[in-house]
N, C-alpha and C. Protein backbone atom coordinates (compact mmCIF):
# COMPACT_ATOMS: atom_id res chain seq x y z
N MET A 1 24.59 -40.38 3.30
CA MET A 1 24.15 -38.65 3.19
C MET A 1 24.62 -37.72 4.24
N ALA A 2 24.97 -36.68 4.26
CA ALA A 2 25.49 -35.51 4.77
C ALA A 2 24.08 -34.85 5.99
N ALA A 3 24.87 -34.49 7.09
CA ALA A 3 23.67 -33.77 7.47
C ALA A 3 23.32 -31.96 7.36
N PRO A 4 22.09 -32.11 6.72
CA PRO A 4 21.94 -30.23 6.65
C PRO A 4 22.74 -29.44 7.60
N GLU A 5 23.10 -28.31 6.69
CA GLU A 5 23.78 -27.15 7.71
C GLU A 5 22.94 -26.32 8.38
N SER A 6 23.37 -26.13 9.67
CA SER A 6 22.29 -25.13 10.36
C SER A 6 23.34 -24.12 10.17
N THR A 7 22.04 -22.68 10.06
CA THR A 7 22.32 -21.23 10.06
C THR A 7 21.97 -20.91 11.52
N ALA A 8 21.24 -21.38 11.72
CA ALA A 8 20.43 -20.75 13.05
C ALA A 8 21.25 -21.77 14.68
N PRO A 9 21.24 -21.14 15.24
CA PRO A 9 22.23 -21.39 17.00
C PRO A 9 21.36 -22.71 17.21
N GLY A 10 21.64 -23.88 17.51
CA GLY A 10 21.24 -24.77 17.56
C GLY A 10 20.46 -25.44 16.94
N GLY A 11 20.65 -25.24 15.73
CA GLY A 11 19.33 -26.57 15.09
C GLY A 11 19.50 -25.58 13.40
N LEU A 12 18.26 -26.56 13.09
CA LEU A 12 18.47 -26.48 11.35
C LEU A 12 18.28 -24.79 10.63
N SER A 13 18.64 -24.80 9.77
CA SER A 13 18.29 -23.49 9.10
C SER A 13 16.49 -23.55 8.94
N PRO A 14 15.73 -22.35 9.08
CA PRO A 14 14.84 -22.25 9.19
C PRO A 14 14.04 -22.35 7.27
N SER A 15 13.19 -22.82 7.01
CA SER A 15 12.33 -22.85 5.79
C SER A 15 12.44 -21.78 5.42
N PRO A 16 12.78 -21.50 3.69
CA PRO A 16 12.53 -20.40 3.58
C PRO A 16 11.23 -19.94 2.79
N GLY A 17 10.29 -20.95 3.11
CA GLY A 17 8.86 -20.73 3.19
C GLY A 17 8.27 -21.42 1.61
N PRO A 18 7.08 -21.08 1.30
CA PRO A 18 6.23 -21.19 0.30
C PRO A 18 6.72 -20.45 -1.12
N GLY A 19 7.26 -21.20 -2.23
CA GLY A 19 7.29 -20.68 -3.40
C GLY A 19 8.51 -19.45 -3.65
N VAL A 20 9.42 -20.11 -2.18
CA VAL A 20 10.76 -19.23 -2.06
C VAL A 20 11.98 -20.21 -2.54
N THR A 21 12.77 -19.91 -3.02
CA THR A 21 13.69 -21.16 -3.97
C THR A 21 14.81 -20.97 -3.02
N PRO A 22 15.18 -21.76 -2.28
CA PRO A 22 16.59 -21.40 -1.30
C PRO A 22 17.67 -21.73 -2.25
N GLY A 23 18.39 -21.78 -3.62
CA GLY A 23 18.94 -21.66 -4.33
C GLY A 23 19.27 -20.34 -5.23
N ASN A 24 18.30 -19.60 -4.81
CA ASN A 24 18.49 -18.29 -5.67
C ASN A 24 17.96 -17.25 -4.68
N PRO A 25 18.76 -16.87 -3.79
CA PRO A 25 18.69 -15.90 -2.63
C PRO A 25 18.12 -14.67 -3.53
N ALA A 26 18.81 -14.26 -4.66
CA ALA A 26 18.44 -12.77 -5.33
C ALA A 26 16.83 -12.81 -5.45
N LEU A 27 16.08 -14.03 -5.96
CA LEU A 27 15.00 -13.79 -6.15
C LEU A 27 13.97 -14.07 -5.00
N ASP A 28 14.77 -14.55 -3.69
CA ASP A 28 14.01 -14.61 -2.51
C ASP A 28 14.02 -13.40 -1.89
N VAL A 29 14.81 -12.13 -2.04
CA VAL A 29 15.03 -11.04 -1.91
C VAL A 29 14.40 -10.25 -2.48
N ALA A 30 14.45 -10.00 -4.13
CA ALA A 30 13.55 -9.73 -4.51
C ALA A 30 11.81 -9.72 -4.29
N ALA A 31 11.18 -10.84 -3.93
CA ALA A 31 10.44 -10.88 -3.98
C ALA A 31 9.71 -10.62 -2.53
N ARG A 32 10.58 -10.33 -1.04
CA ARG A 32 9.97 -9.88 -0.29
C ARG A 32 10.38 -8.18 -0.29
N GLU A 33 11.00 -7.65 -1.00
CA GLU A 33 10.97 -6.13 -1.45
C GLU A 33 9.93 -5.91 -2.21
N HIS A 34 9.17 -6.85 -3.08
CA HIS A 34 7.81 -6.87 -3.94
C HIS A 34 6.63 -6.19 -2.68
N GLU A 35 6.67 -7.84 -1.33
CA GLU A 35 5.83 -7.88 -0.90
C GLU A 35 5.59 -6.67 -0.16
N ARG A 36 7.26 -5.51 0.30
CA ARG A 36 6.97 -4.86 1.39
C ARG A 36 6.61 -3.72 0.34
N LEU A 37 6.80 -3.99 -0.83
CA LEU A 37 6.32 -2.60 -1.28
C LEU A 37 5.17 -2.29 -1.77
N VAL A 38 4.35 -3.35 -2.09
CA VAL A 38 3.18 -3.57 -1.92
C VAL A 38 2.12 -3.34 -0.58
N ASP A 39 2.54 -3.59 0.38
CA ASP A 39 2.03 -3.71 1.75
C ASP A 39 2.28 -2.08 2.06
N SER A 40 3.61 -1.15 2.09
CA SER A 40 3.53 -0.02 2.07
C SER A 40 2.48 0.94 1.31
N PHE A 41 2.62 0.62 0.08
CA PHE A 41 1.32 1.13 -0.77
C PHE A 41 0.36 0.89 -0.56
N ARG A 42 -0.30 0.48 0.07
CA ARG A 42 -1.62 -0.39 0.30
C ARG A 42 -1.68 0.52 1.76
N ILE A 43 -0.79 0.58 2.68
CA ILE A 43 -0.92 1.71 3.95
C ILE A 43 -0.82 3.17 3.62
N HIS A 44 -0.10 3.27 2.50
CA HIS A 44 -0.33 4.66 1.98
C HIS A 44 -1.89 5.15 1.44
N ILE A 45 -2.55 4.30 0.69
CA ILE A 45 -3.89 4.55 0.03
C ILE A 45 -4.55 4.82 1.18
N LEU A 46 -4.27 3.57 2.13
CA LEU A 46 -5.49 3.77 2.89
C LEU A 46 -5.19 5.38 4.17
N HIS A 47 -3.98 5.77 3.99
CA HIS A 47 -3.99 7.08 4.51
C HIS A 47 -4.71 8.39 4.22
N LEU A 48 -4.41 7.93 2.40
CA LEU A 48 -5.11 9.04 1.60
C LEU A 48 -6.72 8.93 1.61
N GLU A 49 -7.21 7.74 2.20
CA GLU A 49 -8.36 7.79 2.06
C GLU A 49 -9.01 8.54 3.59
N ARG A 50 -8.30 8.20 4.80
CA ARG A 50 -8.67 8.86 6.10
C ARG A 50 -8.99 10.10 5.77
N ILE A 51 -7.63 10.59 5.17
CA ILE A 51 -7.63 12.19 4.95
C ILE A 51 -8.74 12.55 3.99
N MET A 52 -8.83 12.01 2.97
CA MET A 52 -10.57 12.60 2.01
C MET A 52 -12.16 11.94 3.00
N ASP A 53 -11.79 11.39 4.12
CA ASP A 53 -13.14 11.42 5.10
C ASP A 53 -12.57 12.71 5.94
N VAL A 54 -11.79 13.13 6.18
CA VAL A 54 -11.96 14.22 7.10
C VAL A 54 -12.00 14.98 6.63
N VAL A 55 -12.12 15.94 4.92
CA VAL A 55 -11.93 16.99 4.20
C VAL A 55 -13.30 16.88 3.95
N GLU A 56 -13.84 15.77 3.62
CA GLU A 56 -15.55 15.63 2.99
C GLU A 56 -16.34 16.03 4.95
N VAL A 57 -16.21 15.82 5.85
CA VAL A 57 -16.64 15.44 6.77
C VAL A 57 -16.37 17.09 6.99
N SER A 58 -15.74 17.62 7.24
CA SER A 58 -15.37 19.28 7.15
C SER A 58 -16.41 19.85 5.81
N VAL A 59 -16.25 19.67 4.80
CA VAL A 59 -17.14 20.08 3.81
C VAL A 59 -18.36 19.96 4.01
N LEU A 60 -18.98 18.86 4.87
CA LEU A 60 -20.66 18.82 5.19
C LEU A 60 -20.98 19.94 5.98
N ALA A 61 -19.87 19.97 7.13
CA ALA A 61 -19.96 20.78 8.44
C ALA A 61 -19.96 22.61 8.08
N LEU A 62 -19.02 22.83 7.19
CA LEU A 62 -19.29 23.90 6.50
C LEU A 62 -20.16 24.27 6.17
N PHE A 63 -21.10 23.67 5.43
CA PHE A 63 -22.54 23.76 4.16
C PHE A 63 -23.33 23.86 5.07
N HIS A 64 -23.34 22.57 6.41
CA HIS A 64 -24.33 22.37 7.32
C HIS A 64 -24.37 24.00 8.00
N GLN A 65 -23.20 24.84 8.48
CA GLN A 65 -23.53 25.73 8.88
C GLN A 65 -24.18 27.04 8.33
N HIS A 66 -24.20 27.21 6.51
CA HIS A 66 -24.87 28.06 5.99
C HIS A 66 -24.16 29.32 6.10
N ALA A 67 -23.35 29.51 6.45
CA ALA A 67 -22.60 31.18 6.29
C ALA A 67 -22.24 31.36 4.83
N ASP A 68 -21.86 32.23 4.64
CA ASP A 68 -21.90 32.91 3.56
C ASP A 68 -20.47 32.08 3.31
N GLN A 69 -19.03 32.96 4.15
CA GLN A 69 -17.84 32.47 3.85
C GLN A 69 -17.95 30.71 4.32
N ASP A 70 -18.51 30.34 5.53
CA ASP A 70 -18.03 28.74 5.40
C ASP A 70 -18.55 28.00 4.28
N VAL A 71 -19.66 28.34 3.37
CA VAL A 71 -20.13 27.73 1.62
C VAL A 71 -19.26 27.75 0.90
N GLU A 72 -18.36 29.33 0.60
CA GLU A 72 -16.82 29.06 0.06
C GLU A 72 -15.82 28.63 0.33
N VAL A 73 -15.76 28.50 1.53
CA VAL A 73 -14.28 27.49 1.70
C VAL A 73 -14.63 25.77 1.49
N ALA A 74 -16.17 25.36 1.93
CA ALA A 74 -16.26 24.51 1.40
C ALA A 74 -16.18 23.87 0.18
N ARG A 75 -16.91 24.73 -0.70
CA ARG A 75 -16.54 24.82 -2.17
C ARG A 75 -15.65 24.42 -2.33
N VAL A 76 -14.39 25.15 -1.82
CA VAL A 76 -12.92 24.96 -2.07
C VAL A 76 -12.08 24.10 -1.58
N LEU A 77 -12.81 23.34 -0.46
CA LEU A 77 -12.11 22.11 -0.62
C LEU A 77 -12.81 21.17 -0.97
N ARG A 78 -13.75 20.77 -1.51
CA ARG A 78 -14.30 20.35 -2.62
C ARG A 78 -13.67 20.08 -3.94
N ALA A 79 -13.63 21.49 -3.88
CA ALA A 79 -13.20 21.23 -5.47
C ALA A 79 -11.44 20.94 -5.30
N TYR A 80 -10.58 21.50 -5.05
CA TYR A 80 -9.37 21.41 -4.48
C TYR A 80 -8.30 20.60 -3.89
N ALA A 81 -9.27 19.68 -3.16
CA ALA A 81 -9.20 19.04 -1.96
C ALA A 81 -9.64 17.64 -2.31
N SER A 82 -11.08 17.55 -1.60
CA SER A 82 -11.61 16.49 -2.02
C SER A 82 -11.74 15.79 -3.22
N ASN A 83 -11.98 16.67 -4.44
CA ASN A 83 -11.67 15.76 -5.70
C ASN A 83 -10.58 15.35 -6.05
N LYS A 84 -9.37 16.83 -6.02
CA LYS A 84 -8.01 16.02 -5.98
C LYS A 84 -7.78 14.66 -5.43
N LEU A 85 -7.84 14.56 -4.38
CA LEU A 85 -8.23 13.47 -3.53
C LEU A 85 -8.24 11.79 -4.08
N CYS A 86 -9.53 12.57 -4.50
CA CYS A 86 -10.52 11.18 -5.07
C CYS A 86 -9.78 10.73 -5.97
N LEU A 87 -9.06 11.49 -6.98
CA LEU A 87 -8.67 10.92 -8.19
C LEU A 87 -6.91 10.29 -7.86
N GLU A 88 -6.48 11.04 -7.19
CA GLU A 88 -5.14 10.20 -6.63
C GLU A 88 -5.43 9.10 -5.94
N ILE A 89 -6.62 8.44 -5.58
CA ILE A 89 -6.88 7.16 -4.29
C ILE A 89 -6.93 6.34 -5.80
N GLU A 90 -7.70 6.88 -6.74
CA GLU A 90 -7.84 5.76 -8.02
C GLU A 90 -6.77 5.17 -8.56
N ALA A 91 -6.09 6.89 -8.64
CA ALA A 91 -5.18 6.45 -9.64
C ALA A 91 -3.60 5.31 -8.64
N ALA A 92 -4.16 5.52 -7.36
CA ALA A 92 -2.70 4.65 -6.98
C ALA A 92 -3.61 3.40 -6.37
N ASN A 93 -4.80 3.26 -6.34
CA ASN A 93 -5.44 1.90 -6.83
C ASN A 93 -5.21 1.13 -7.69
N LYS A 94 -5.20 2.00 -9.04
CA LYS A 94 -4.59 1.60 -10.41
C LYS A 94 -3.51 0.64 -10.14
N LEU A 95 -2.84 1.27 -9.30
CA LEU A 95 -1.04 1.18 -9.75
C LEU A 95 -1.05 -0.08 -8.40
N LEU A 96 -1.56 0.13 -7.63
CA LEU A 96 -1.34 -1.15 -6.71
C LEU A 96 -2.00 -2.51 -7.12
N LYS A 97 -2.99 -2.44 -8.27
CA LYS A 97 -3.35 -3.53 -8.74
C LYS A 97 -2.17 -4.13 -9.69
N SER A 98 -1.59 -3.35 -10.30
CA SER A 98 -0.40 -3.32 -11.36
C SER A 98 0.26 -4.02 -11.11
N LEU A 99 0.90 -3.58 -9.29
CA LEU A 99 2.02 -4.24 -8.85
C LEU A 99 1.59 -5.81 -8.14
N LYS A 100 0.18 -5.57 -7.87
CA LYS A 100 0.25 -6.70 -7.45
C LYS A 100 -0.24 -8.29 -8.54
N ARG A 101 -0.04 -7.49 -9.78
CA ARG A 101 -0.27 -8.56 -10.97
C ARG A 101 1.39 -8.60 -11.72
N VAL A 102 2.27 -8.12 -11.02
CA VAL A 102 3.59 -8.37 -11.30
C VAL A 102 4.21 -10.43 -11.39
N PRO A 103 4.29 -10.71 -12.27
CA PRO A 103 4.96 -12.17 -12.13
C PRO A 103 5.85 -12.77 -11.64
N ARG A 104 5.30 -13.38 -10.63
CA ARG A 104 6.64 -14.00 -9.73
C ARG A 104 7.63 -14.79 -10.73
N GLU A 105 8.90 -14.95 -10.93
CA GLU A 105 9.87 -15.54 -10.98
C GLU A 105 9.85 -16.83 -10.21
N SER A 106 9.96 -17.84 -10.36
CA SER A 106 10.25 -18.88 -9.74
C SER A 106 11.92 -19.56 -9.93
N GLY A 107 12.21 -20.17 -9.09
CA GLY A 107 13.99 -20.76 -9.02
C GLY A 107 13.90 -22.07 -10.19
N SER A 108 12.75 -22.57 -10.22
CA SER A 108 13.02 -23.77 -10.79
C SER A 108 12.73 -23.36 -12.77
């Protein structure tokens, strides 16, 4: 029986991990790229949610001040920033869920 080939200096090759097929590197790369895409998208959604929080706090502060101009600015922020951001976050979350449902091909 032949000894396993080593690609790591001074030892055995690292295991490809659970669900990874060492015989098909194209699938391994595709699976890693898919996970990277999902993670990046999740981070993007978190950034959008933080931006939405800032807009909402600004809107509440402007309404609290009761100045005519401030109330108008608050209405514009709510209509053109907050509401639109909310719709974008909902759409992004739906897309993220569909990305997570993509079936992963196995090498077997």
